[in-house]
Amino acid sequence: MTISLENIGKRFQRYWIFKDVTYTFNQPEAYALLGPNGCGKSTLLRIIAGMQAPSKGKVHIKDANGQPTEISNIFSQTSFCAPGMELVEELTLREFLNFHFSFKRPLNGLAINDIIEIIGLKNAADKQVGDYSSGMKQRVKLAQAIFVDTPILLLDEPCTNLDQAGVEQYHNWIEHYAKGRLVIVASNDEREYFFCKEMIEIQKYKSEP
């Protein structure tokens, strides 16, 4: 798949967060959206995901056959993980994953029990997610994105709340399960985008009102 940004800009009230972002993302490649806090990395990632509309510009998407597709149809092709996303905390991990994967197919034929084993939460699989630590919840957020069979993987600060063991887990998952996909990471932490070959500095698109 290909995602092309044409003169994308985002304004809140009278202030432009960024302006005139023109860039093409191709599968299978990995890209990093870089810059300090508040520069608009997360906002741009949500625009790419079709979760937020730009104030100006257009997002063009082509499928694997080079045919144009509407951004409204990108949901089924995309996995997304961000620190602020909510989990259904009243469900157990097993219930949550069964619910989540009723909408999208697991990657590489993985079963729910396989995913629970991979993320190291077998002993907590039947506990409510609301009782998990922040690091455990982040592993669940990553799992529901990385282990879905989609061509596009979008990650916003994926190592938030992870300890060193969790960061090493993330590195392992990326190396084994992100191959062949279009991956875009919004981050200012090199541990999160270590595998990305292309870097986009959002700060250079900063615009005064």
Protein backbone atom coordinates (compact mmCIF):
# COMPACT_ATOMS: atom_id res chain seq x y z
CA MET A 1 0.00 0.00 0.00
CA THR A 2 0.98 3.63 -0.46
CA ILE A 3 -0.08 6.65 1.61
CA SER A 4 0.66 10.06 0.11
CA LEU A 5 0.27 13.34 1.99
CA GLU A 6 -0.38 16.39 -0.17
CA ASN A 7 0.17 19.77 1.54
CA ILE A 8 -1.25 18.52 4.83
CA GLY A 9 -1.69 21.09 7.58
CA LYS A 10 -3.43 21.15 10.96
CA ARG A 11 -4.65 24.26 12.73
CA PHE A 12 -6.12 24.63 16.20
CA GLN A 13 -8.06 27.88 16.37
CA ARG A 14 -5.74 30.41 14.70
CA TYR A 15 -2.46 28.54 15.22
CA TRP A 16 -0.99 26.11 12.70
CA ILE A 17 0.60 23.09 14.39
CA PHE A 18 2.25 22.12 11.10
CA LYS A 19 1.70 23.13 7.52
CA ASP A 20 2.35 21.86 3.97
CA VAL A 21 3.49 18.33 4.80
CA THR A 22 4.00 16.51 1.49
CA TYR A 23 5.37 12.98 1.74
CA THR A 24 4.78 9.46 0.41
CA PHE A 25 4.94 6.33 2.58
CA ASN A 26 5.43 3.01 0.79
CA GLN A 27 4.95 -0.57 1.90
CA PRO A 28 7.13 -2.33 2.97
CA GLU A 29 9.15 0.42 4.65
CA ALA A 30 9.44 1.83 8.17
CA TYR A 31 9.28 5.57 8.88
CA ALA A 32 9.75 7.71 11.98
CA LEU A 33 7.90 10.97 12.65
CA LEU A 34 10.35 12.88 14.83
CA GLY A 35 10.30 16.05 16.86
CA PRO A 36 9.87 17.51 20.37
CA ASN A 37 6.68 17.23 22.37
CA GLY A 38 3.90 19.38 20.96
CA CYS A 39 5.23 19.55 17.41
CA GLY A 40 2.31 17.53 16.02
CA LYS A 41 3.71 14.00 15.60
CA SER A 42 0.68 12.32 17.16
CA THR A 43 -1.74 14.58 15.32
CA LEU A 44 -0.16 13.76 11.97
CA LEU A 45 -0.25 10.04 12.78
CA ARG A 46 -3.99 10.28 13.54
CA ILE A 47 -4.53 12.10 10.24
CA ILE A 48 -2.70 9.30 8.41
CA ALA A 49 -4.91 6.78 10.24
CA GLY A 50 -8.07 8.59 9.15
CA MET A 51 -8.94 9.32 12.78
CA GLN A 52 -8.63 13.08 12.42
CA ALA A 53 -9.24 15.40 9.49
CA PRO A 54 -6.54 17.81 8.30
CA SER A 55 -7.30 21.53 8.20
CA LYS A 56 -5.83 21.65 4.71
CA GLY A 57 -4.44 19.23 2.15
CA LYS A 58 -5.37 15.70 1.14
CA VAL A 59 -4.40 12.12 2.01
CA HIS A 60 -4.19 9.78 -0.98
CA ILE A 61 -4.16 6.01 -0.49
CA LYS A 62 -3.47 3.27 -3.01
CA ASP A 63 -3.93 -0.42 -2.34
CA ALA A 64 -1.47 -3.21 -3.13
CA ASN A 65 -2.62 -3.16 -6.75
CA GLY A 66 -2.02 0.57 -7.09
CA GLN A 67 -5.72 1.38 -7.10
CA PRO A 68 -6.95 4.47 -5.21
CA THR A 69 -8.97 3.81 -2.05
CA GLU A 70 -10.92 6.16 0.19
CA ILE A 71 -9.39 7.07 3.54
CA SER A 72 -12.69 6.02 5.12
CA ASN A 73 -11.81 2.45 4.09
CA ILE A 74 -8.37 2.46 5.70
CA PHE A 75 -9.62 1.14 9.07
CA SER A 76 -9.63 -2.48 7.95
CA GLN A 77 -6.06 -2.10 6.64
CA THR A 78 -4.58 -0.39 9.69
CA SER A 79 -3.43 -1.27 13.20
CA PHE A 80 -2.95 1.60 15.64
CA CYS A 81 -1.41 1.98 19.10
CA ALA A 82 -1.15 5.15 21.19
CA PRO A 83 -0.70 5.88 24.91
CA GLY A 84 -4.08 7.61 25.18
CA MET A 85 -6.14 4.86 23.57
CA GLU A 86 -8.59 3.14 25.90
CA LEU A 87 -8.88 -0.55 26.67
CA VAL A 88 -12.11 -2.23 27.78
CA GLU A 89 -10.94 -2.56 31.35
CA GLU A 90 -13.99 -4.49 32.57
CA LEU A 91 -12.93 -7.44 30.39
CA THR A 92 -10.22 -9.96 31.16
CA LEU A 93 -7.28 -10.05 28.79
CA ARG A 94 -8.61 -13.22 27.18
CA GLU A 95 -12.06 -11.66 26.72
CA PHE A 96 -10.60 -8.43 25.35
CA LEU A 97 -8.42 -10.20 22.78
CA ASN A 98 -11.29 -12.45 21.70
CA PHE A 99 -13.45 -9.35 21.21
CA HIS A 100 -10.72 -7.42 19.39
CA PHE A 101 -9.84 -10.26 17.03
CA SER A 102 -13.50 -10.78 16.14
CA PHE A 103 -13.07 -7.65 13.98
CA LYS A 104 -9.59 -8.26 12.56
CA ARG A 105 -7.66 -11.42 11.80
CA PRO A 106 -4.64 -12.38 13.93
CA LEU A 107 -1.26 -12.24 12.22
CA ASN A 108 0.33 -15.45 10.90
CA GLY A 109 -2.56 -17.60 12.15
CA LEU A 110 -1.75 -16.87 15.80
CA ALA A 111 -4.32 -18.08 18.31
CA ILE A 112 -5.38 -15.99 21.31
CA ASN A 113 -3.43 -18.27 23.64
CA ASP A 114 -0.33 -17.81 21.46
CA ILE A 115 -0.58 -14.02 21.74
CA ILE A 116 -1.08 -14.18 25.51
CA GLU A 117 2.02 -16.38 25.76
CA ILE A 118 4.10 -14.08 23.54
CA ILE A 119 3.29 -10.96 25.56
CA GLY A 120 4.11 -12.73 28.82
CA LEU A 121 0.73 -12.31 30.50
CA LYS A 122 -0.38 -15.94 30.74
CA ASN A 123 -0.70 -15.77 34.53
CA ALA A 124 -2.90 -12.67 34.28
CA ALA A 125 -4.98 -13.73 31.26
CA ASP A 126 -8.19 -14.14 33.30
CA LYS A 127 -7.81 -10.98 35.36
CA GLN A 128 -9.63 -7.78 34.44
CA VAL A 129 -7.46 -5.45 32.35
CA GLY A 130 -8.42 -2.61 34.70
CA ASP A 131 -6.35 -4.31 37.43
CA TYR A 132 -3.21 -4.33 35.29
CA SER A 133 -0.21 -2.06 35.85
CA SER A 134 0.47 0.70 33.32
CA GLY A 135 3.24 -1.38 31.76
CA MET A 136 1.00 -4.44 31.39
CA LYS A 137 -1.70 -2.29 29.77
CA GLN A 138 0.84 -0.93 27.31
CA ARG A 139 1.79 -4.48 26.32
CA VAL A 140 -1.88 -5.19 25.65
CA LYS A 141 -2.17 -2.03 23.52
CA LEU A 142 0.87 -3.08 21.51
CA ALA A 143 -0.44 -6.64 21.14
CA GLN A 144 -3.79 -5.54 19.71
CA ALA A 145 -1.87 -3.58 17.05
CA ILE A 146 1.23 -5.62 16.23
CA PHE A 147 -0.43 -9.06 16.11
CA VAL A 148 -3.23 -8.03 13.72
CA ASP A 149 -2.90 -9.03 10.07
CA THR A 150 -2.89 -5.57 8.50
CA PRO A 151 -0.51 -4.05 5.93
CA ILE A 152 -0.25 -0.76 7.87
CA LEU A 153 1.05 -0.47 11.45
CA LEU A 154 0.95 2.95 13.16
CA LEU A 155 2.68 3.35 16.54
CA ASP A 156 2.60 6.46 18.72
CA GLU A 157 5.30 6.44 21.44
CA PRO A 158 5.06 2.63 21.69
CA CYS A 159 7.41 2.21 24.67
CA THR A 160 5.39 4.48 26.99
CA ASN A 161 5.26 2.94 30.52
CA LEU A 162 7.48 -0.01 29.53
CA ASP A 163 10.43 -1.05 31.66
CA GLN A 164 13.64 -2.31 30.07
CA ALA A 165 12.26 -5.85 29.75
CA GLY A 166 9.18 -4.44 28.04
CA VAL A 167 11.31 -2.41 25.63
CA GLU A 168 13.27 -5.55 24.74
CA GLN A 169 9.96 -7.37 24.15
CA TYR A 170 8.88 -4.57 21.82
CA HIS A 171 12.14 -4.84 19.87
CA ASN A 172 11.63 -8.59 19.49
CA TRP A 173 8.04 -8.19 18.28
CA ILE A 174 9.03 -5.56 15.71
CA GLU A 175 11.84 -7.71 14.36
CA HIS A 176 9.59 -10.77 14.02
CA TYR A 177 6.15 -9.37 13.23
CA ALA A 178 6.59 -6.04 11.42
CA LYS A 179 8.33 -7.36 8.31
CA GLY A 180 6.61 -6.64 5.03
CA ARG A 181 4.35 -3.98 6.50
CA LEU A 182 4.21 -0.20 6.17
CA VAL A 183 5.20 0.98 9.66
CA ILE A 184 5.09 4.59 10.88
CA VAL A 185 6.31 5.47 14.39
CA ALA A 186 5.72 8.84 16.07
CA SER A 187 8.45 9.29 18.65
CA ASN A 188 11.34 11.27 20.08
CA ASP A 189 12.93 8.16 21.64
CA GLU A 190 15.37 6.23 19.44
CA ARG A 191 14.51 2.95 21.22
CA GLU A 192 11.05 3.19 19.64
CA TYR A 193 12.11 3.80 16.04
CA PHE A 194 15.44 1.94 15.96
CA PHE A 195 14.37 -0.04 12.87
CA CYS A 196 13.12 2.89 10.80
CA LYS A 197 15.13 3.80 7.69
CA GLU A 198 13.34 7.04 6.86
CA MET A 199 13.09 10.01 9.27
CA ILE A 200 10.63 12.91 8.92
CA GLU A 201 11.32 15.94 11.13
CA ILE A 202 7.90 17.46 11.82
CA GLN A 203 9.48 20.58 13.27
CA LYS A 204 10.53 21.74 9.82
CA TYR A 205 6.85 22.04 8.90
CA LYS A 206 6.24 24.34 11.86
CA SER A 207 4.50 27.53 10.82
CA GLU A 208 3.83 30.78 12.58
CA PRO A 209 0.16 31.96 12.56
